[in-house]
Amino acid sequence: MGNEKNKFDITRFEHQLIASTMTVLVDDFGYTPREVFELMDDAKRQLWGALAELANERKGGINNESAKTL
C-alpha cells in the first residue's frame, strides 16, 4: 500500500486531509455518511476537468495561455 497514490493510506498527510474533512462534515455539520459520499461523488464530477488540466500542465502539457493562442 505504501507508494500507491490511488489507494487510501492514513499515514500519508494528503490522505489524512481527505479523512479529516469527511469527518468534520459528519461531526460538525451533521452530514450522514451517505451524504458525505454523495458530496464526494459530485465533487469528483465537478472538479475532474480542472484537476485534469492541472495534471496536464504539471506534466508539461499545453497551458491555458498557449491554448488561447492556438
PDB file of N, CA and C in Angstrom:
ATOM      1  N   MET A   1       0.820  -1.202   0.000  1.00  0.00           N
ATOM      2  CA  MET A   1       0.000   0.000   0.000  1.00  0.00           C
ATOM      3  C   MET A   1       0.862   1.264   0.000  1.00  0.00           C
ATOM      4  N   GLY A   2       2.084   1.201   0.456  1.00  0.00           N
ATOM      5  CA  GLY A   2       2.953   2.333   0.684  1.00  0.00           C
ATOM      6  C   GLY A   2       3.021   3.405  -0.386  1.00  0.00           C
ATOM      7  N   ASN A   3       3.417   3.080  -1.606  1.00  0.00           N
ATOM      8  CA  ASN A   3       3.644   4.094  -2.629  1.00  0.00           C
ATOM      9  C   ASN A   3       2.500   4.255  -3.618  1.00  0.00           C
ATOM     10  N   GLU A   4       1.422   3.557  -3.435  1.00  0.00           N
ATOM     11  CA  GLU A   4       0.303   3.644  -4.371  1.00  0.00           C
ATOM     12  C   GLU A   4      -0.526   4.888  -4.069  1.00  0.00           C
ATOM     13  N   LYS A   5      -0.512   5.848  -4.973  1.00  0.00           N
ATOM     14  CA  LYS A   5      -1.239   7.099  -4.768  1.00  0.00           C
ATOM     15  C   LYS A   5      -2.747   6.907  -4.777  1.00  0.00           C
ATOM     16  N   ASN A   6      -3.228   5.896  -5.489  1.00  0.00           N
ATOM     17  CA  ASN A   6      -4.677   5.728  -5.630  1.00  0.00           C
ATOM     18  C   ASN A   6      -5.281   4.794  -4.594  1.00  0.00           C
ATOM     19  N   LYS A   7      -4.501   4.385  -3.609  1.00  0.00           N
ATOM     20  CA  LYS A   7      -5.013   3.567  -2.505  1.00  0.00           C
ATOM     21  C   LYS A   7      -4.940   4.390  -1.229  1.00  0.00           C
ATOM     22  N   PHE A   8      -6.026   4.404  -0.469  1.00  0.00           N
ATOM     23  CA  PHE A   8      -6.073   5.191   0.756  1.00  0.00           C
ATOM     24  C   PHE A   8      -5.059   4.666   1.758  1.00  0.00           C
ATOM     25  N   ASP A   9      -4.239   5.570   2.275  1.00  0.00           N
ATOM     26  CA  ASP A   9      -3.212   5.241   3.266  1.00  0.00           C
ATOM     27  C   ASP A   9      -3.229   6.342   4.320  1.00  0.00           C
ATOM     28  N   ILE A  10      -3.803   6.053   5.481  1.00  0.00           N
ATOM     29  CA  ILE A  10      -3.994   7.054   6.525  1.00  0.00           C
ATOM     30  C   ILE A  10      -2.676   7.622   7.043  1.00  0.00           C
ATOM     31  N   THR A  11      -1.552   6.985   6.748  1.00  0.00           N
ATOM     32  CA  THR A  11      -0.263   7.517   7.199  1.00  0.00           C
ATOM     33  C   THR A  11       0.232   8.656   6.309  1.00  0.00           C
ATOM     34  N   ARG A  12      -0.382   8.839   5.150  1.00  0.00           N
ATOM     35  CA  ARG A  12       0.023   9.926   4.247  1.00  0.00           C
ATOM     36  C   ARG A  12      -0.750  11.197   4.597  1.00  0.00           C
ATOM     37  N   PHE A  13      -0.038  12.305   4.716  1.00  0.00           N
ATOM     38  CA  PHE A  13      -0.658  13.565   5.124  1.00  0.00           C
ATOM     39  C   PHE A  13      -1.816  13.963   4.214  1.00  0.00           C
ATOM     40  N   GLU A  14      -1.607  13.863   2.901  1.00  0.00           N
ATOM     41  CA  GLU A  14      -2.654  14.289   1.970  1.00  0.00           C
ATOM     42  C   GLU A  14      -3.908  13.430   2.099  1.00  0.00           C
ATOM     43  N   HIS A  15      -3.755  12.180   2.482  1.00  0.00           N
ATOM     44  CA  HIS A  15      -4.905  11.302   2.698  1.00  0.00           C
ATOM     45  C   HIS A  15      -5.570  11.637   4.032  1.00  0.00           C
ATOM     46  N   GLN A  16      -4.775  12.066   5.009  1.00  0.00           N
ATOM     47  CA  GLN A  16      -5.329  12.496   6.289  1.00  0.00           C
ATOM     48  C   GLN A  16      -6.219  13.718   6.106  1.00  0.00           C
ATOM     49  N   LEU A  17      -5.845  14.601   5.178  1.00  0.00           N
ATOM     50  CA  LEU A  17      -6.677  15.780   4.899  1.00  0.00           C
ATOM     51  C   LEU A  17      -8.057  15.378   4.393  1.00  0.00           C
ATOM     52  N   ILE A  18      -8.088  14.392   3.510  1.00  0.00           N
ATOM     53  CA  ILE A  18      -9.370  13.906   2.987  1.00  0.00           C
ATOM     54  C   ILE A  18     -10.206  13.315   4.119  1.00  0.00           C
ATOM     55  N   ALA A  19      -9.589  12.448   4.926  1.00  0.00           N
ATOM     56  CA  ALA A  19     -10.312  11.794   6.019  1.00  0.00           C
ATOM     57  C   ALA A  19     -10.810  12.807   7.045  1.00  0.00           C
ATOM     58  N   SER A  20      -9.972  13.784   7.383  1.00  0.00           N
ATOM     59  CA  SER A  20     -10.394  14.756   8.389  1.00  0.00           C
ATOM     60  C   SER A  20     -11.512  15.645   7.863  1.00  0.00           C
ATOM     61  N   THR A  21     -11.469  15.998   6.594  1.00  0.00           N
ATOM     62  CA  THR A  21     -12.541  16.800   6.009  1.00  0.00           C
ATOM     63  C   THR A  21     -13.859  16.037   6.034  1.00  0.00           C
ATOM     64  N   MET A  22     -13.811  14.774   5.681  1.00  0.00           N
ATOM     65  CA  MET A  22     -15.026  13.956   5.705  1.00  0.00           C
ATOM     66  C   MET A  22     -15.560  13.822   7.128  1.00  0.00           C
ATOM     67  N   THR A  23     -14.661  13.672   8.090  1.00  0.00           N
ATOM     68  CA  THR A  23     -15.056  13.552   9.493  1.00  0.00           C
ATOM     69  C   THR A  23     -15.701  14.838   9.991  1.00  0.00           C
ATOM     70  N   VAL A  24     -15.139  15.982   9.622  1.00  0.00           N
ATOM     71  CA  VAL A  24     -15.704  17.275  10.021  1.00  0.00           C
ATOM     72  C   VAL A  24     -17.110  17.447   9.457  1.00  0.00           C
ATOM     73  N   LEU A  25     -17.321  17.012   8.230  1.00  0.00           N
ATOM     74  CA  LEU A  25     -18.658  17.121   7.639  1.00  0.00           C
ATOM     75  C   LEU A  25     -19.691  16.367   8.470  1.00  0.00           C
ATOM     76  N   VAL A  26     -19.313  15.206   8.983  1.00  0.00           N
ATOM     77  CA  VAL A  26     -20.237  14.417   9.810  1.00  0.00           C
ATOM     78  C   VAL A  26     -20.349  15.011  11.209  1.00  0.00           C
ATOM     79  N   ASP A  27     -19.204  15.231  11.874  1.00  0.00           N
ATOM     80  CA  ASP A  27     -19.204  15.674  13.271  1.00  0.00           C
ATOM     81  C   ASP A  27     -19.702  17.101  13.460  1.00  0.00           C
ATOM     82  N   ASP A  28     -19.246  18.017  12.625  1.00  0.00           N
ATOM     83  CA  ASP A  28     -19.537  19.430  12.845  1.00  0.00           C
ATOM     84  C   ASP A  28     -20.706  19.970  12.030  1.00  0.00           C
ATOM     85  N   PHE A  29     -20.983  19.354  10.888  1.00  0.00           N
ATOM     86  CA  PHE A  29     -22.017  19.890  10.010  1.00  0.00           C
ATOM     87  C   PHE A  29     -23.236  18.985   9.876  1.00  0.00           C
ATOM     88  N   GLY A  30     -23.215  17.837  10.529  1.00  0.00           N
ATOM     89  CA  GLY A  30     -24.394  16.985  10.578  1.00  0.00           C
ATOM     90  C   GLY A  30     -24.687  16.153   9.345  1.00  0.00           C
ATOM     91  N   TYR A  31     -23.707  16.017   8.451  1.00  0.00           N
ATOM     92  CA  TYR A  31     -23.903  15.160   7.278  1.00  0.00           C
ATOM     93  C   TYR A  31     -23.980  13.699   7.713  1.00  0.00           C
ATOM     94  N   THR A  32     -24.734  12.913   6.990  1.00  0.00           N
ATOM     95  CA  THR A  32     -24.699  11.466   7.187  1.00  0.00           C
ATOM     96  C   THR A  32     -23.556  10.917   6.334  1.00  0.00           C
ATOM     97  N   PRO A  33     -23.076   9.712   6.643  1.00  0.00           N
ATOM     98  CA  PRO A  33     -22.038   9.129   5.783  1.00  0.00           C
ATOM     99  C   PRO A  33     -22.473   9.073   4.319  1.00  0.00           C
ATOM    100  N   ARG A  34     -23.725   8.725   4.077  1.00  0.00           N
ATOM    101  CA  ARG A  34     -24.223   8.670   2.695  1.00  0.00           C
ATOM    102  C   ARG A  34     -24.121  10.046   2.038  1.00  0.00           C
ATOM    103  N   GLU A  35     -24.503  11.097   2.760  1.00  0.00           N
ATOM    104  CA  GLU A  35     -24.430  12.450   2.202  1.00  0.00           C
ATOM    105  C   GLU A  35     -22.986  12.858   1.899  1.00  0.00           C
ATOM    106  N   VAL A  36     -22.058  12.455   2.761  1.00  0.00           N
ATOM    107  CA  VAL A  36     -20.645  12.764   2.525  1.00  0.00           C
ATOM    108  C   VAL A  36     -20.178  12.112   1.231  1.00  0.00           C
ATOM    109  N   PHE A  37     -20.510  10.844   1.040  1.00  0.00           N
ATOM    110  CA  PHE A  37     -20.066  10.154  -0.169  1.00  0.00           C
ATOM    111  C   PHE A  37     -20.770  10.680  -1.419  1.00  0.00           C
ATOM    112  N   GLU A  38     -22.026  11.102  -1.290  1.00  0.00           N
ATOM    113  CA  GLU A  38     -22.704  11.729  -2.422  1.00  0.00           C
ATOM    114  C   GLU A  38     -22.036  13.058  -2.764  1.00  0.00           C
ATOM    115  N   LEU A  39     -21.648  13.811  -1.737  1.00  0.00           N
ATOM    116  CA  LEU A  39     -20.935  15.063  -1.948  1.00  0.00           C
ATOM    117  C   LEU A  39     -19.595  14.815  -2.636  1.00  0.00           C
ATOM    118  N   MET A  40     -18.882  13.784  -2.205  1.00  0.00           N
ATOM    119  CA  MET A  40     -17.597  13.443  -2.824  1.00  0.00           C
ATOM    120  C   MET A  40     -17.793  13.065  -4.293  1.00  0.00           C
ATOM    121  N   ASP A  41     -18.846  12.309  -4.585  1.00  0.00           N
ATOM    122  CA  ASP A  41     -19.129  11.943  -5.981  1.00  0.00           C
ATOM    123  C   ASP A  41     -19.399  13.184  -6.827  1.00  0.00           C
ATOM    124  N   ASP A  42     -20.181  14.124  -6.282  1.00  0.00           N
ATOM    125  CA  ASP A  42     -20.477  15.340  -7.022  1.00  0.00           C
ATOM    126  C   ASP A  42     -19.217  16.186  -7.197  1.00  0.00           C
ATOM    127  N   ALA A  43     -18.389  16.247  -6.164  1.00  0.00           N
ATOM    128  CA  ALA A  43     -17.127  16.991  -6.266  1.00  0.00           C
ATOM    129  C   ALA A  43     -16.236  16.386  -7.347  1.00  0.00           C
ATOM    130  N   LYS A  44     -16.196  15.054  -7.433  1.00  0.00           N
ATOM    131  CA  LYS A  44     -15.399  14.398  -8.484  1.00  0.00           C
ATOM    132  C   LYS A  44     -15.880  14.830  -9.862  1.00  0.00           C
ATOM    133  N   ARG A  45     -17.190  14.833 -10.049  1.00  0.00           N
ATOM    134  CA  ARG A  45     -17.748  15.217 -11.352  1.00  0.00           C
ATOM    135  C   ARG A  45     -17.422  16.674 -11.686  1.00  0.00           C
ATOM    136  N   GLN A  46     -17.564  17.546 -10.700  1.00  0.00           N
ATOM    137  CA  GLN A  46     -17.377  18.968 -10.962  1.00  0.00           C
ATOM    138  C   GLN A  46     -15.910  19.370 -11.086  1.00  0.00           C
ATOM    139  N   LEU A  47     -15.025  18.669 -10.407  1.00  0.00           N
ATOM    140  CA  LEU A  47     -13.612  19.060 -10.385  1.00  0.00           C
ATOM    141  C   LEU A  47     -12.743  18.307 -11.374  1.00  0.00           C
ATOM    142  N   TRP A  48     -13.285  17.281 -12.007  1.00  0.00           N
ATOM    143  CA  TRP A  48     -12.474  16.436 -12.894  1.00  0.00           C
ATOM    144  C   TRP A  48     -11.717  17.250 -13.931  1.00  0.00           C
ATOM    145  N   GLY A  49     -12.407  18.119 -14.640  1.00  0.00           N
ATOM    146  CA  GLY A  49     -11.776  18.898 -15.702  1.00  0.00           C
ATOM    147  C   GLY A  49     -10.636  19.771 -15.198  1.00  0.00           C
ATOM    148  N   ALA A  50     -10.870  20.472 -14.095  1.00  0.00           N
ATOM    149  CA  ALA A  50      -9.837  21.348 -13.542  1.00  0.00           C
ATOM    150  C   ALA A  50      -8.634  20.547 -13.066  1.00  0.00           C
ATOM    151  N   LEU A  51      -8.879  19.417 -12.417  1.00  0.00           N
ATOM    152  CA  LEU A  51      -7.770  18.591 -11.937  1.00  0.00           C
ATOM    153  C   LEU A  51      -6.991  17.980 -13.093  1.00  0.00           C
ATOM    154  N   ALA A  52      -7.697  17.571 -14.137  1.00  0.00           N
ATOM    155  CA  ALA A  52      -7.021  17.022 -15.313  1.00  0.00           C
ATOM    156  C   ALA A  52      -6.151  18.086 -15.972  1.00  0.00           C
ATOM    157  N   GLU A  53      -6.647  19.311 -16.017  1.00  0.00           N
ATOM    158  CA  GLU A  53      -5.870  20.410 -16.594  1.00  0.00           C
ATOM    159  C   GLU A  53      -4.616  20.682 -15.766  1.00  0.00           C
ATOM    160  N   LEU A  54      -4.753  20.695 -14.444  1.00  0.00           N
ATOM    161  CA  LEU A  54      -3.585  20.889 -13.575  1.00  0.00           C
ATOM    162  C   LEU A  54      -2.553  19.792 -13.781  1.00  0.00           C
ATOM    163  N   ALA A  55      -3.014  18.559 -13.851  1.00  0.00           N
ATOM    164  CA  ALA A  55      -2.096  17.432 -14.050  1.00  0.00           C
ATOM    165  C   ALA A  55      -1.388  17.545 -15.392  1.00  0.00           C
ATOM    166  N   ASN A  56      -2.121  17.954 -16.419  1.00  0.00           N
ATOM    167  CA  ASN A  56      -1.532  18.115 -17.748  1.00  0.00           C
ATOM    168  C   ASN A  56      -0.457  19.203 -17.737  1.00  0.00           C
ATOM    169  N   GLU A  57      -0.754  20.324 -17.092  1.00  0.00           N
ATOM    170  CA  GLU A  57       0.220  21.407 -17.006  1.00  0.00           C
ATOM    171  C   GLU A  57       1.460  20.971 -16.235  1.00  0.00           C
ATOM    172  N   ARG A  58       1.254  20.206 -15.184  1.00  0.00           N
ATOM    173  CA  ARG A  58       2.374  19.735 -14.368  1.00  0.00           C
ATOM    174  C   ARG A  58       3.294  18.827 -15.179  1.00  0.00           C
ATOM    175  N   LYS A  59       2.711  18.085 -16.109  1.00  0.00           N
ATOM    176  CA  LYS A  59       3.493  17.177 -16.949  1.00  0.00           C
ATOM    177  C   LYS A  59       4.090  17.891 -18.154  1.00  0.00           C
ATOM    178  N   GLY A  60       3.897  19.200 -18.255  1.00  0.00           N
ATOM    179  CA  GLY A  60       4.470  19.950 -19.361  1.00  0.00           C
ATOM    180  C   GLY A  60       3.576  20.065 -20.566  1.00  0.00           C
ATOM    181  N   GLY A  61       2.293  19.839 -20.380  1.00  0.00           N
ATOM    182  CA  GLY A  61       1.347  19.944 -21.486  1.00  0.00           C
ATOM    183  C   GLY A  61       1.063  21.389 -21.836  1.00  0.00           C
ATOM    184  N   ILE A  62       0.098  21.583 -22.703  1.00  0.00           N
ATOM    185  CA  ILE A  62      -0.283  22.930 -23.125  1.00  0.00           C
ATOM    186  C   ILE A  62      -0.937  23.645 -21.955  1.00  0.00           C
ATOM    187  N   ASN A  63      -0.461  24.844 -21.654  1.00  0.00           N
ATOM    188  CA  ASN A  63      -1.088  25.607 -20.578  1.00  0.00           C
ATOM    189  C   ASN A  63      -2.190  26.490 -21.144  1.00  0.00           C
ATOM    190  N   ASN A  64      -2.916  27.139 -20.268  1.00  0.00           N
ATOM    191  CA  ASN A  64      -4.059  27.947 -20.699  1.00  0.00           C
ATOM    192  C   ASN A  64      -3.660  29.048 -21.664  1.00  0.00           C
ATOM    193  N   GLU A  65      -2.581  29.753 -21.406  1.00  0.00           N
ATOM    194  CA  GLU A  65      -2.172  30.861 -22.262  1.00  0.00           C
ATOM    195  C   GLU A  65      -1.807  30.360 -23.656  1.00  0.00           C
ATOM    196  N   SER A  66      -1.115  29.240 -23.726  1.00  0.00           N
ATOM    197  CA  SER A  66      -0.760  28.678 -25.029  1.00  0.00           C
ATOM    198  C   SER A  66      -2.002  28.230 -25.781  1.00  0.00           C
ATOM    199  N   ALA A  67      -2.942  27.642 -25.067  1.00  0.00           N
ATOM    200  CA  ALA A  67      -4.159  27.138 -25.700  1.00  0.00           C
ATOM    201  C   ALA A  67      -4.980  28.283 -26.288  1.00  0.00           C
ATOM    202  N   LYS A  68      -4.945  29.458 -25.656  1.00  0.00           N
ATOM    203  CA  LYS A  68      -5.722  30.595 -26.133  1.00  0.00           C
ATOM    204  C   LYS A  68      -5.211  31.097 -27.476  1.00  0.00           C
ATOM    205  N   THR A  69      -3.928  30.902 -27.740  1.00  0.00           N
ATOM    206  CA  THR A  69      -3.360  31.418 -28.984  1.00  0.00           C
ATOM    207  C   THR A  69      -3.460  30.432 -30.134  1.00  0.00           C
ATOM    208  N   LEU A  70      -3.880  29.203 -29.853  1.00  0.00           N
ATOM    209  CA  LEU A  70      -3.975  28.190 -30.911  1.00  0.00           C
ATOM    210  C   LEU A  70      -5.186  28.394 -31.784  1.00  0.00           C
TER     211      LEU A  70
END
